[in-house]
């Protein structure tokens, strides 16, 4: 704000009083109807003296005249003195000017104070605005940090749940796989056992060649205990079989085969 203007009162002007004429009587006048006394106070405009103005008159003698023209009072007995009249109009105008100037000065001071208060209020508003911005940024930063922490916690919880679910699924899959493997092994074992049983049963029912272990279609006619698939296997095995054969027959007779397939046909 600008410099403060202090009020300095104006110097009062000296009053210029208008002179007024006073009439002072030194003569005692008896109560007589024939005597007319001069008024106690005469204005200057009502008294005219040749060669003398009302401003320059200090003491003027005025004769008193009675109704009776024959009676005249001595002129030295009445003295007229001027009386100063205050200048009321100029004093009032000066006071009004001073009051008006004072009112304008007070109005200017009020405006300056209002401007100063507005500037201070504007500064306070700016400070409050900056404080609000700083507090808002701090709150946003704190909220951002809190959200990041919550996000990390949620991600860690989801990761932990996913790991637990994955391990549970792996265990379940492993157990199911083991169960399936056990079931498959059991099934294959049963199938293998069935195959073995069927093979054993087939072997017990089907005759095999004593030489090549294939299915035999012929048997020895001498003992009927050894079977062969063909004449070649029989002739090849005859060296080992002739000692175990139960009957003494000729080689030619023993080498003859009975074709079981031909008989069935």
C-alpha atoms as a PDB file:
ATOM      1  CA  UNK A   1       0.000   0.000   0.000  1.00  0.00           C
ATOM      2  CA  UNK A   2       1.041   3.618  -0.501  1.00  0.00           C
ATOM      3  CA  UNK A   3       2.158   6.121   2.120  1.00  0.00           C
ATOM      4  CA  UNK A   4      -0.326   7.120   4.796  1.00  0.00           C
ATOM      5  CA  UNK A   5      -1.489  10.687   4.485  1.00  0.00           C
ATOM      6  CA  UNK A   6      -1.903  12.352   7.848  1.00  0.00           C
ATOM      7  CA  UNK A   7      -4.511  15.039   8.380  1.00  0.00           C
ATOM      8  CA  UNK A   8      -3.152  18.496   9.044  1.00  0.00           C
ATOM      9  CA  UNK A   9      -5.845  20.998  10.056  1.00  0.00           C
ATOM     10  CA  UNK A  10      -5.907  24.300   8.236  1.00  0.00           C
ATOM     11  CA  UNK A  11      -5.154  27.537  10.022  1.00  0.00           C
ATOM     12  CA  UNK A  12      -8.220  29.486  10.832  1.00  0.00           C
ATOM     13  CA  UNK A  13      -8.525  32.851   9.182  1.00  0.00           C
ATOM     14  CA  UNK A  14      -9.060  35.938  11.237  1.00  0.00           C
ATOM     15  CA  UNK A  15     -12.598  37.069  11.323  1.00  0.00           C
ATOM     16  CA  UNK A  16     -13.264  40.317   9.472  1.00  0.00           C
ATOM     17  CA  UNK A  17     -15.992  41.854  11.537  1.00  0.00           C
ATOM     18  CA  UNK A  18     -18.288  44.399  10.019  1.00  0.00           C
ATOM     19  CA  UNK A  19     -18.439  47.501  12.218  1.00  0.00           C
ATOM     20  CA  UNK A  20     -21.655  48.303  13.937  1.00  0.00           C
ATOM     21  CA  UNK A  21     -22.437  51.601  15.452  1.00  0.00           C
ATOM     22  CA  UNK A  22     -23.409  51.761  19.076  1.00  0.00           C
ATOM     23  CA  UNK A  23     -25.018  54.833  20.534  1.00  0.00           C
ATOM     24  CA  UNK A  24     -24.113  55.576  24.110  1.00  0.00           C
ATOM     25  CA  UNK A  25     -25.969  58.355  25.890  1.00  0.00           C
ATOM     26  CA  UNK A  26     -24.426  60.200  28.759  1.00  0.00           C
ATOM     27  CA  UNK A  27     -27.479  62.409  29.326  1.00  0.00           C
ATOM     28  CA  UNK A  28     -30.268  61.480  31.608  1.00  0.00           C
ATOM     29  CA  UNK A  29     -33.549  62.068  29.926  1.00  0.00           C
ATOM     30  CA  UNK A  30     -36.648  62.463  31.975  1.00  0.00           C
ATOM     31  CA  UNK A  31     -39.818  60.766  31.035  1.00  0.00           C
ATOM     32  CA  UNK A  32     -41.390  63.417  28.925  1.00  0.00           C
ATOM     33  CA  UNK A  33     -43.685  62.952  26.032  1.00  0.00           C
ATOM     34  CA  UNK A  34     -42.123  65.839  24.191  1.00  0.00           C
ATOM     35  CA  UNK A  35     -38.665  64.250  24.147  1.00  0.00           C
ATOM     36  CA  UNK A  36     -37.720  61.513  21.674  1.00  0.00           C
ATOM     37  CA  UNK A  37     -34.523  59.796  22.649  1.00  0.00           C
ATOM     38  CA  UNK A  38     -32.181  58.233  20.140  1.00  0.00           C
ATOM     39  CA  UNK A  39     -32.105  54.484  19.976  1.00  0.00           C
ATOM     40  CA  UNK A  40     -29.560  52.702  22.064  1.00  0.00           C
ATOM     41  CA  UNK A  41     -28.090  50.985  19.020  1.00  0.00           C
ATOM     42  CA  UNK A  42     -28.027  52.376  15.529  1.00  0.00           C
ATOM     43  CA  UNK A  43     -26.755  50.438  12.540  1.00  0.00           C
ATOM     44  CA  UNK A  44     -24.110  52.054  10.467  1.00  0.00           C
ATOM     45  CA  UNK A  45     -26.235  52.101   7.352  1.00  0.00           C
ATOM     46  CA  UNK A  46     -28.823  54.279   9.095  1.00  0.00           C
ATOM     47  CA  UNK A  47     -26.269  56.876  10.163  1.00  0.00           C
ATOM     48  CA  UNK A  48     -24.769  59.067   7.478  1.00  0.00           C
ATOM     49  CA  UNK A  49     -22.012  61.457   8.287  1.00  0.00           C
ATOM     50  CA  UNK A  50     -20.506  63.667   5.675  1.00  0.00           C
ATOM     51  CA  UNK A  51     -16.943  62.789   4.879  1.00  0.00           C
ATOM     52  CA  UNK A  52     -16.811  59.826   7.321  1.00  0.00           C
ATOM     53  CA  UNK A  53     -17.383  56.192   6.484  1.00  0.00           C
ATOM     54  CA  UNK A  54     -18.736  53.601   8.861  1.00  0.00           C
ATOM     55  CA  UNK A  55     -15.446  51.687   8.871  1.00  0.00           C
ATOM     56  CA  UNK A  56     -13.333  54.651   9.875  1.00  0.00           C
ATOM     57  CA  UNK A  57     -15.621  56.100  12.512  1.00  0.00           C
ATOM     58  CA  UNK A  58     -14.377  55.573  16.039  1.00  0.00           C
ATOM     59  CA  UNK A  59     -16.604  58.068  17.910  1.00  0.00           C
ATOM     60  CA  UNK A  60     -19.303  60.232  16.364  1.00  0.00           C
ATOM     61  CA  UNK A  61     -21.529  62.717  18.188  1.00  0.00           C
ATOM     62  CA  UNK A  62     -25.191  62.676  17.161  1.00  0.00           C
ATOM     63  CA  UNK A  63     -27.617  65.342  18.380  1.00  0.00           C
ATOM     64  CA  UNK A  64     -30.930  64.335  19.954  1.00  0.00           C
ATOM     65  CA  UNK A  65     -33.955  66.179  18.681  1.00  0.00           C
ATOM     66  CA  UNK A  66     -37.233  66.354  20.538  1.00  0.00           C
ATOM     67  CA  UNK A  67     -40.663  66.706  19.057  1.00  0.00           C
ATOM     68  CA  UNK A  68     -40.560  70.177  20.134  1.00  0.00           C
ATOM     69  CA  UNK A  69     -38.201  71.911  17.724  1.00  0.00           C
ATOM     70  CA  UNK A  70     -37.347  74.441  20.343  1.00  0.00           C
ATOM     71  CA  UNK A  71     -35.666  71.786  22.529  1.00  0.00           C
ATOM     72  CA  UNK A  72     -32.213  70.588  21.455  1.00  0.00           C
ATOM     73  CA  UNK A  73     -29.859  68.439  23.476  1.00  0.00           C
ATOM     74  CA  UNK A  74     -26.207  69.272  23.433  1.00  0.00           C
ATOM     75  CA  UNK A  75     -24.400  67.348  20.808  1.00  0.00           C
ATOM     76  CA  UNK A  76     -21.586  66.434  23.203  1.00  0.00           C
ATOM     77  CA  UNK A  77     -23.945  64.424  25.310  1.00  0.00           C
ATOM     78  CA  UNK A  78     -24.426  61.587  22.748  1.00  0.00           C
ATOM     79  CA  UNK A  79     -21.512  59.546  21.468  1.00  0.00           C
ATOM     80  CA  UNK A  80     -21.851  56.911  18.734  1.00  0.00           C
ATOM     81  CA  UNK A  81     -19.203  54.187  18.743  1.00  0.00           C
ATOM     82  CA  UNK A  82     -18.800  51.588  15.924  1.00  0.00           C
ATOM     83  CA  UNK A  83     -19.421  47.912  16.687  1.00  0.00           C
ATOM     84  CA  UNK A  84     -17.742  45.134  14.758  1.00  0.00           C
ATOM     85  CA  UNK A  85     -20.062  42.544  13.113  1.00  0.00           C
ATOM     86  CA  UNK A  86     -18.626  38.975  12.698  1.00  0.00           C
ATOM     87  CA  UNK A  87     -18.484  37.533   9.237  1.00  0.00           C
ATOM     88  CA  UNK A  88     -20.758  34.561   9.799  1.00  0.00           C
ATOM     89  CA  UNK A  89     -20.987  33.601   6.140  1.00  0.00           C
ATOM     90  CA  UNK A  90     -17.246  33.293   5.573  1.00  0.00           C
ATOM     91  CA  UNK A  91     -16.773  31.380   8.826  1.00  0.00           C
ATOM     92  CA  UNK A  92     -19.551  28.955   7.918  1.00  0.00           C
ATOM     93  CA  UNK A  93     -18.147  28.476   4.412  1.00  0.00           C
ATOM     94  CA  UNK A  94     -14.657  27.865   5.815  1.00  0.00           C
ATOM     95  CA  UNK A  95     -15.997  25.357   8.347  1.00  0.00           C
ATOM     96  CA  UNK A  96     -17.959  23.642   5.597  1.00  0.00           C
ATOM     97  CA  UNK A  97     -14.836  23.445   3.432  1.00  0.00           C
ATOM     98  CA  UNK A  98     -12.848  21.980   6.306  1.00  0.00           C
ATOM     99  CA  UNK A  99     -15.582  19.436   7.068  1.00  0.00           C
ATOM    100  CA  UNK A 100     -15.860  18.506   3.400  1.00  0.00           C
ATOM    101  CA  UNK A 101     -12.102  18.073   3.083  1.00  0.00           C
ATOM    102  CA  UNK A 102     -12.094  16.040   6.277  1.00  0.00           C
ATOM    103  CA  UNK A 103     -14.889  13.832   4.948  1.00  0.00           C
ATOM    104  CA  UNK A 104     -13.045  13.336   1.648  1.00  0.00           C
ATOM    105  CA  UNK A 105      -9.840  12.522   3.527  1.00  0.00           C
ATOM    106  CA  UNK A 106     -11.714  10.042   5.722  1.00  0.00           C
ATOM    107  CA  UNK A 107     -13.248   8.506   2.605  1.00  0.00           C
ATOM    108  CA  UNK A 108      -9.803   8.212   0.994  1.00  0.00           C
ATOM    109  CA  UNK A 109      -8.416   6.622   4.157  1.00  0.00           C
ATOM    110  CA  UNK A 110     -11.334   4.181   4.228  1.00  0.00           C
ATOM    111  CA  UNK A 111     -10.684   3.282   0.578  1.00  0.00           C
ATOM    112  CA  UNK A 112      -6.966   2.832   1.258  1.00  0.00           C
ATOM    113  CA  UNK A 113      -7.708   0.645   4.284  1.00  0.00           C
ATOM    114  CA  UNK A 114     -10.174  -1.376   2.219  1.00  0.00           C
ATOM    115  CA  UNK A 115      -7.586  -1.810  -0.556  1.00  0.00           C
ATOM    116  CA  UNK A 116      -4.959  -2.802   2.022  1.00  0.00           C
ATOM    117  CA  UNK A 117      -7.334  -5.326   3.582  1.00  0.00           C
ATOM    118  CA  UNK A 118      -8.223  -6.679   0.130  1.00  0.00           C
ATOM    119  CA  UNK A 119      -4.532  -7.100  -0.716  1.00  0.00           C
ATOM    120  CA  UNK A 120      -3.885  -8.841   2.601  1.00  0.00           C
ATOM    121  CA  UNK A 121      -6.927 -11.045   2.028  1.00  0.00           C
ATOM    122  CA  UNK A 122      -5.654 -11.854  -1.467  1.00  0.00           C
ATOM    123  CA  UNK A 123      -2.257 -12.792  -0.032  1.00  0.00           C
ATOM    124  CA  UNK A 124      -3.921 -14.983   2.583  1.00  0.00           C
ATOM    125  CA  UNK A 125      -6.046 -16.596  -0.138  1.00  0.00           C
ATOM    126  CA  UNK A 126      -2.907 -17.319  -2.183  1.00  0.00           C
ATOM    127  CA  UNK A 127      -1.166 -18.783   0.868  1.00  0.00           C
ATOM    128  CA  UNK A 128      -4.228 -20.885   1.675  1.00  0.00           C
ATOM    129  CA  UNK A 129      -4.433 -21.982  -1.963  1.00  0.00           C
ATOM    130  CA  UNK A 130      -0.789 -23.068  -1.917  1.00  0.00           C
ATOM    131  CA  UNK A 131      -1.302 -24.887   1.380  1.00  0.00           C
ATOM    132  CA  UNK A 132      -4.363 -26.649  -0.035  1.00  0.00           C
ATOM    133  CA  UNK A 133      -2.397 -27.651  -3.154  1.00  0.00           C
ATOM    134  CA  UNK A 134       0.482 -28.973  -1.034  1.00  0.00           C
ATOM    135  CA  UNK A 135      -1.872 -30.868   1.279  1.00  0.00           C
ATOM    136  CA  UNK A 136      -3.743 -32.281  -1.733  1.00  0.00           C
ATOM    137  CA  UNK A 137      -0.501 -33.438  -3.330  1.00  0.00           C
ATOM    138  CA  UNK A 138       0.596 -34.992  -0.037  1.00  0.00           C
ATOM    139  CA  UNK A 139      -2.766 -36.742   0.335  1.00  0.00           C
ATOM    140  CA  UNK A 140      -2.595 -37.988  -3.260  1.00  0.00           C
ATOM    141  CA  UNK A 141       0.963 -39.225  -2.735  1.00  0.00           C
ATOM    142  CA  UNK A 142      -0.050 -41.011   0.453  1.00  0.00           C
ATOM    143  CA  UNK A 143      -3.084 -42.520  -1.268  1.00  0.00           C
ATOM    144  CA  UNK A 144      -0.896 -43.586  -4.201  1.00  0.00           C
ATOM    145  CA  UNK A 145       1.582 -45.263  -1.847  1.00  0.00           C
ATOM    146  CA  UNK A 146      -1.266 -46.972   0.006  1.00  0.00           C
ATOM    147  CA  UNK A 147      -2.756 -48.198  -3.269  1.00  0.00           C
ATOM    148  CA  UNK A 148       0.648 -49.514  -4.367  1.00  0.00           C
ATOM    149  CA  UNK A 149       1.022 -51.370  -1.072  1.00  0.00           C
ATOM    150  CA  UNK A 150      -2.484 -52.806  -1.371  1.00  0.00           C
ATOM    151  CA  UNK A 151      -1.725 -53.800  -4.971  1.00  0.00           C
ATOM    152  CA  UNK A 152       1.463 -55.562  -3.901  1.00  0.00           C
ATOM    153  CA  UNK A 153      -0.360 -57.326  -1.080  1.00  0.00           C
ATOM    154  CA  UNK A 154      -3.156 -58.383  -3.445  1.00  0.00           C
ATOM    155  CA  UNK A 155      -0.637 -59.626  -6.018  1.00  0.00           C
ATOM    156  CA  UNK A 156       1.297 -61.568  -3.382  1.00  0.00           C
ATOM    157  CA  UNK A 157      -1.954 -63.061  -2.063  1.00  0.00           C
ATOM    158  CA  UNK A 158      -3.049 -64.002  -5.600  1.00  0.00           C
ATOM    159  CA  UNK A 159       0.394 -65.453  -6.323  1.00  0.00           C
ATOM    160  CA  UNK A 160       0.280 -67.471  -3.102  1.00  0.00           C
ATOM    161  CA  UNK A 161      -3.225 -68.720  -3.884  1.00  0.00           C
ATOM    162  CA  UNK A 162      -2.141 -69.603  -7.418  1.00  0.00           C
ATOM    163  CA  UNK A 163       0.891 -71.490  -6.103  1.00  0.00           C
ATOM    164  CA  UNK A 164      -1.263 -73.350  -3.583  1.00  0.00           C
ATOM    165  CA  UNK A 165      -3.843 -74.170  -6.261  1.00  0.00           C
ATOM    166  CA  UNK A 166      -1.093 -75.239  -8.669  1.00  0.00           C
ATOM    167  CA  UNK A 167       0.574 -77.460  -6.076  1.00  0.00           C
ATOM    168  CA  UNK A 168      -2.812 -78.927  -5.173  1.00  0.00           C
ATOM    169  CA  UNK A 169      -3.567 -79.545  -8.849  1.00  0.00           C
ATOM    170  CA  UNK A 170      -0.122 -81.084  -9.344  1.00  0.00           C
ATOM    171  CA  UNK A 171      -0.638 -83.359  -6.355  1.00  0.00           C
ATOM    172  CA  UNK A 172      -4.098 -84.309  -7.544  1.00  0.00           C
ATOM    173  CA  UNK A 173      -2.807 -84.923 -11.066  1.00  0.00           C
ATOM    174  CA  UNK A 174       0.092 -86.950  -9.703  1.00  0.00           C
ATOM    175  CA  UNK A 175      -2.213 -88.982  -7.506  1.00  0.00           C
ATOM    176  CA  UNK A 176      -4.628 -89.469 -10.389  1.00  0.00           C
ATOM    177  CA  UNK A 177      -1.715 -90.418 -12.617  1.00  0.00           C
ATOM    178  CA  UNK A 178      -0.431 -92.877 -10.061  1.00  0.00           C
ATOM    179  CA  UNK A 179      -3.912 -94.314  -9.658  1.00  0.00           C
ATOM    180  CA  UNK A 180      -4.263 -94.540 -13.438  1.00  0.00           C
ATOM    181  CA  UNK A 181      -0.828 -96.149 -13.692  1.00  0.00           C
ATOM    182  CA  UNK A 182      -1.736 -98.608 -10.954  1.00  0.00           C
ATOM    183  CA  UNK A 183      -5.004 -99.351 -12.650  1.00  0.00           C
ATOM    184  CA  UNK A 184      -3.260 -99.745 -16.014  1.00  0.00           C
ATOM    185  CA  UNK A 185      -0.607-101.975 -14.465  1.00  0.00           C
ATOM    186  CA  UNK A 186      -3.262-104.020 -12.722  1.00  0.00           C
ATOM    187  CA  UNK A 187      -5.241-104.267 -15.909  1.00  0.00           C
ATOM    188  CA  UNK A 188      -2.181-105.197 -17.961  1.00  0.00           C
ATOM    189  CA  UNK A 189      -1.168-107.692 -15.290  1.00  0.00           C
ATOM    190  CA  UNK A 190      -4.610-109.243 -15.387  1.00  0.00           C
ATOM    191  CA  UNK A 191      -4.555-109.294 -19.156  1.00  0.00           C
ATOM    192  CA  UNK A 192      -1.087-110.816 -19.088  1.00  0.00           C
ATOM    193  CA  UNK A 193      -2.211-113.416 -16.607  1.00  0.00           C
ATOM    194  CA  UNK A 194      -5.210-114.178 -18.743  1.00  0.00           C
ATOM    195  CA  UNK A 195      -2.994-114.464 -21.784  1.00  0.00           C
ATOM    196  CA  UNK A 196      -0.586-116.673 -19.887  1.00  0.00           C
ATOM    197  CA  UNK A 197      -3.429-118.830 -18.677  1.00  0.00           C
ATOM    198  CA  UNK A 198      -4.832-119.026 -22.155  1.00  0.00           C
ATOM    199  CA  UNK A 199      -1.390-119.846 -23.564  1.00  0.00           C
ATOM    200  CA  UNK A 200      -0.882-122.484 -20.919  1.00  0.00           C
ATOM    201  CA  UNK A 201      -4.301-123.857 -21.610  1.00  0.00           C
ATOM    202  CA  UNK A 202      -3.581-123.827 -25.317  1.00  0.00           C
ATOM    203  CA  UNK A 203      -0.269-125.535 -24.743  1.00  0.00           C
ATOM    204  CA  UNK A 204      -1.902-128.147 -22.634  1.00  0.00           C
ATOM    205  CA  UNK A 205      -4.498-128.830 -25.286  1.00  0.00           C
ATOM    206  CA  UNK A 206      -2.400-128.485 -28.471  1.00  0.00           C
ATOM    207  CA  UNK A 207       0.391-130.963 -29.250  1.00  0.00           C
ATOM    208  CA  UNK A 208       3.763-129.570 -30.107  1.00  0.00           C
ATOM    209  CA  UNK A 209       6.494-130.873 -32.360  1.00  0.00           C
ATOM    210  CA  UNK A 210       9.271-132.577 -30.419  1.00  0.00           C
ATOM    211  CA  UNK A 211      11.875-131.198 -32.794  1.00  0.00           C
ATOM    212  CA  UNK A 212      10.856-127.547 -33.505  1.00  0.00           C
ATOM    213  CA  UNK A 213       8.150-126.957 -30.844  1.00  0.00           C
ATOM    214  CA  UNK A 214       5.549-126.002 -33.430  1.00  0.00           C
ATOM    215  CA  UNK A 215       2.034-127.308 -33.598  1.00  0.00           C
ATOM    216  CA  UNK A 216       2.165-130.988 -34.395  1.00  0.00           C
ATOM    217  CA  UNK A 217      -0.063-132.724 -36.832  1.00  0.00           C
ATOM    218  CA  UNK A 218       1.420-136.225 -36.682  1.00  0.00           C
ATOM    219  CA  UNK A 219       2.587-138.653 -34.011  1.00  0.00           C
ATOM    220  CA  UNK A 220       4.868-141.636 -33.809  1.00  0.00           C
ATOM    221  CA  UNK A 221       3.088-144.812 -34.838  1.00  0.00           C
ATOM    222  CA  UNK A 222       5.312-146.914 -32.665  1.00  0.00           C
ATOM    223  CA  UNK A 223       4.599-145.422 -29.244  1.00  0.00           C
ATOM    224  CA  UNK A 224       2.015-142.765 -29.998  1.00  0.00           C
ATOM    225  CA  UNK A 225       3.635-140.515 -27.394  1.00  0.00           C
ATOM    226  CA  UNK A 226       5.726-138.139 -29.510  1.00  0.00           C
ATOM    227  CA  UNK A 227       4.240-135.722 -32.035  1.00  0.00           C
ATOM    228  CA  UNK A 228       5.795-134.066 -35.016  1.00  0.00           C
ATOM    229  CA  UNK A 229       4.828-131.360 -37.432  1.00  0.00           C
ATOM    230  CA  UNK A 230       6.285-133.068 -40.484  1.00  0.00           C
ATOM    231  CA  UNK A 231       8.244-136.092 -41.660  1.00  0.00           C
ATOM    232  CA  UNK A 232      11.450-134.115 -41.758  1.00  0.00           C
ATOM    233  CA  UNK A 233      11.272-133.299 -38.001  1.00  0.00           C
ATOM    234  CA  UNK A 234      10.427-136.948 -37.281  1.00  0.00           C
ATOM    235  CA  UNK A 235      13.370-138.271 -39.318  1.00  0.00           C
ATOM    236  CA  UNK A 236      15.634-135.701 -37.709  1.00  0.00           C
ATOM    237  CA  UNK A 237      14.486-136.599 -34.205  1.00  0.00           C
ATOM    238  CA  UNK A 238      14.491-140.332 -34.837  1.00  0.00           C
ATOM    239  CA  UNK A 239      18.088-140.732 -33.691  1.00  0.00           C
ATOM    240  CA  UNK A 240      17.065-139.559 -30.204  1.00  0.00           C
ATOM    241  CA  UNK A 241      13.646-141.116 -30.192  1.00  0.00           C
ATOM    242  CA  UNK A 242      14.402-144.634 -31.374  1.00  0.00           C
ATOM    243  CA  UNK A 243      15.847-145.592 -27.989  1.00  0.00           C
ATOM    244  CA  UNK A 244      12.680-144.470 -26.208  1.00  0.00           C
ATOM    245  CA  UNK A 245      10.197-145.900 -28.622  1.00  0.00           C
ATOM    246  CA  UNK A 246       8.141-148.674 -26.962  1.00  0.00           C
ATOM    247  CA  UNK A 247       7.899-151.278 -29.790  1.00  0.00           C
ATOM    248  CA  UNK A 248      10.599-153.108 -31.872  1.00  0.00           C
ATOM    249  CA  UNK A 249       9.557-152.384 -35.379  1.00  0.00           C
ATOM    250  CA  UNK A 250      11.476-151.690 -38.535  1.00  0.00           C
ATOM    251  CA  UNK A 251      12.770-148.348 -39.416  1.00  0.00           C
ATOM    252  CA  UNK A 252      10.469-148.160 -42.371  1.00  0.00           C
ATOM    253  CA  UNK A 253       7.425-149.037 -40.345  1.00  0.00           C
ATOM    254  CA  UNK A 254       8.396-146.623 -37.560  1.00  0.00           C
ATOM    255  CA  UNK A 255       9.020-143.814 -39.997  1.00  0.00           C
ATOM    256  CA  UNK A 256       5.452-143.913 -41.257  1.00  0.00           C
ATOM    257  CA  UNK A 257       3.321-141.191 -39.855  1.00  0.00           C
ATOM    258  CA  UNK A 258      -0.309-140.967 -39.199  1.00  0.00           C
ATOM    259  CA  UNK A 259      -1.705-137.751 -40.482  1.00  0.00           C
ATOM    260  CA  UNK A 260      -4.335-136.699 -38.039  1.00  0.00           C
ATOM    261  CA  UNK A 261      -5.434-133.886 -40.205  1.00  0.00           C
ATOM    262  CA  UNK A 262      -6.121-136.230 -43.104  1.00  0.00           C
ATOM    263  CA  UNK A 263      -8.099-138.522 -40.885  1.00  0.00           C
ATOM    264  CA  UNK A 264     -10.255-135.722 -39.590  1.00  0.00           C
ATOM    265  CA  UNK A 265     -10.859-134.520 -43.086  1.00  0.00           C
END
